[in-house]
Amino acid sequence: MAKKLISIMTLCVLMAVSVFSAFAAENETENALVYGDVNLDGDISIVDATDIQKYIVGSVELTEVGQKLADVDSDDRITVMDATAIQKYIAKLDGYGVTGQEYVAE
């Protein structure tokens, strides 16, 4: 009976740790938003620039947060200039605006 109780308690502790870890990872992701990571995958890549181009022509939707992260030239519009700035960031060229900087909600 004691072994069964210990097993059940161990299982409960492991489940609690698992749930806590999931919430912590979710909060960490929310706190780690950066300009240019349009698709919110944690990486700034050519996919983000392509998503901006697709958004401009209406073939893809961006989340509200994705839209904020897409405006890397800070002109309150999502244009091809934002996609170009992300490409410059990836290529390590000047003129990439706030790409790569942490997003702080207003």
Protein backbone atom coordinates (compact mmCIF):
# COMPACT_ATOMS: atom_id res chain seq x y z
CA MET A 1 0.00 0.00 0.00
CA ALA A 2 2.84 2.41 0.83
CA LYS A 3 4.57 1.73 -2.50
CA LYS A 4 1.32 2.45 -4.34
CA LEU A 5 0.86 5.70 -2.42
CA ILE A 6 4.42 6.79 -3.17
CA SER A 7 3.92 5.98 -6.86
CA ILE A 8 0.72 8.03 -6.99
CA MET A 9 2.36 10.95 -5.21
CA THR A 10 5.37 10.81 -7.54
CA LEU A 11 3.05 10.82 -10.54
CA CYS A 12 1.19 13.86 -9.17
CA VAL A 13 4.43 15.74 -8.62
CA LEU A 14 5.65 14.94 -12.13
CA MET A 15 2.35 16.09 -13.61
CA ALA A 16 2.49 19.34 -11.63
CA VAL A 17 6.05 20.00 -12.79
CA SER A 18 5.02 19.29 -16.38
CA VAL A 19 2.09 21.72 -16.22
CA PHE A 20 4.23 24.40 -14.57
CA SER A 21 6.92 23.97 -17.23
CA ALA A 22 4.35 24.38 -20.00
CA PHE A 23 3.06 27.64 -18.49
CA ALA A 24 6.59 28.91 -17.92
CA ALA A 25 7.56 28.18 -21.53
CA GLU A 26 4.43 29.95 -22.79
CA ASN A 27 5.17 33.04 -20.70
CA GLU A 28 8.80 33.01 -21.78
CA THR A 29 7.69 32.94 -25.43
CA GLU A 30 5.38 35.88 -24.84
CA ASN A 31 8.16 37.83 -23.17
CA ALA A 32 10.68 37.03 -25.88
CA LEU A 33 8.88 38.71 -28.79
CA VAL A 34 11.21 40.51 -31.18
CA TYR A 35 10.58 42.73 -34.16
CA GLY A 36 10.90 40.77 -37.38
CA ASP A 37 9.66 37.46 -35.99
CA VAL A 38 6.38 37.86 -37.87
CA ASN A 39 5.29 34.21 -37.64
CA LEU A 40 6.19 33.98 -33.94
CA ASP A 41 8.37 30.90 -34.32
CA GLY A 42 11.24 32.38 -32.30
CA ASP A 43 13.47 32.93 -35.34
CA ILE A 44 13.88 35.81 -37.77
CA SER A 45 14.19 34.26 -41.21
CA ILE A 46 13.32 34.73 -44.86
CA VAL A 47 9.98 33.10 -44.02
CA ASP A 48 9.08 36.20 -42.00
CA ALA A 49 9.92 38.49 -44.93
CA THR A 50 7.91 36.25 -47.25
CA ASP A 51 4.96 36.29 -44.86
CA ILE A 52 4.99 40.10 -45.00
CA GLN A 53 4.94 40.00 -48.79
CA LYS A 54 2.06 37.50 -48.73
CA TYR A 55 0.21 39.67 -46.20
CA ILE A 56 0.57 42.72 -48.47
CA VAL A 57 -1.07 40.91 -51.40
CA GLY A 58 -3.72 39.36 -49.15
CA SER A 59 -2.75 35.70 -49.45
CA VAL A 60 -1.94 35.27 -45.75
CA GLU A 61 -3.25 36.74 -42.52
CA LEU A 62 -1.00 37.85 -39.68
CA THR A 63 -1.99 37.81 -36.04
CA GLU A 64 -2.35 41.16 -34.32
CA VAL A 65 1.01 40.62 -32.63
CA GLY A 66 2.54 39.44 -35.91
CA GLN A 67 1.42 42.68 -37.53
CA LYS A 68 3.11 44.73 -34.80
CA LEU A 69 6.31 42.72 -35.16
CA ALA A 70 6.21 43.14 -38.95
CA ASP A 71 6.46 46.95 -38.84
CA VAL A 72 10.24 46.97 -38.43
CA ASP A 73 10.71 50.39 -40.01
CA SER A 74 8.30 51.89 -37.45
CA ASP A 75 6.15 53.83 -39.92
CA ASP A 76 2.85 52.31 -38.69
CA ARG A 77 2.36 50.50 -42.00
CA ILE A 78 3.31 47.04 -43.23
CA THR A 79 4.99 47.43 -46.60
CA VAL A 80 7.63 45.80 -48.78
CA MET A 81 10.12 48.06 -46.99
CA ASP A 82 9.55 45.99 -43.83
CA ALA A 83 10.24 42.76 -45.73
CA THR A 84 13.38 44.34 -47.20
CA ALA A 85 14.55 45.45 -43.75
CA ILE A 86 14.22 41.87 -42.47
CA GLN A 87 16.23 40.63 -45.46
CA LYS A 88 18.92 43.22 -44.68
CA TYR A 89 18.98 42.04 -41.06
CA ILE A 90 19.47 38.44 -42.18
CA ALA A 91 22.24 39.50 -44.58
CA LYS A 92 23.85 41.65 -41.86
CA LEU A 93 23.47 44.85 -43.89
CA ASP A 94 22.69 48.32 -42.56
CA GLY A 95 19.16 49.68 -42.70
CA TYR A 96 17.14 47.01 -40.94
CA GLY A 97 15.21 49.28 -38.58
CA VAL A 98 14.26 47.70 -35.27
CA THR A 99 14.52 44.13 -36.58
CA GLY A 100 15.87 41.88 -33.84
CA GLN A 101 15.03 44.29 -31.01
CA GLU A 102 12.73 43.17 -28.22
CA TYR A 103 9.10 44.12 -28.68
CA VAL A 104 7.64 45.92 -25.69
CA ALA A 105 3.85 46.29 -25.64
CA GLU A 106 2.72 49.88 -25.37
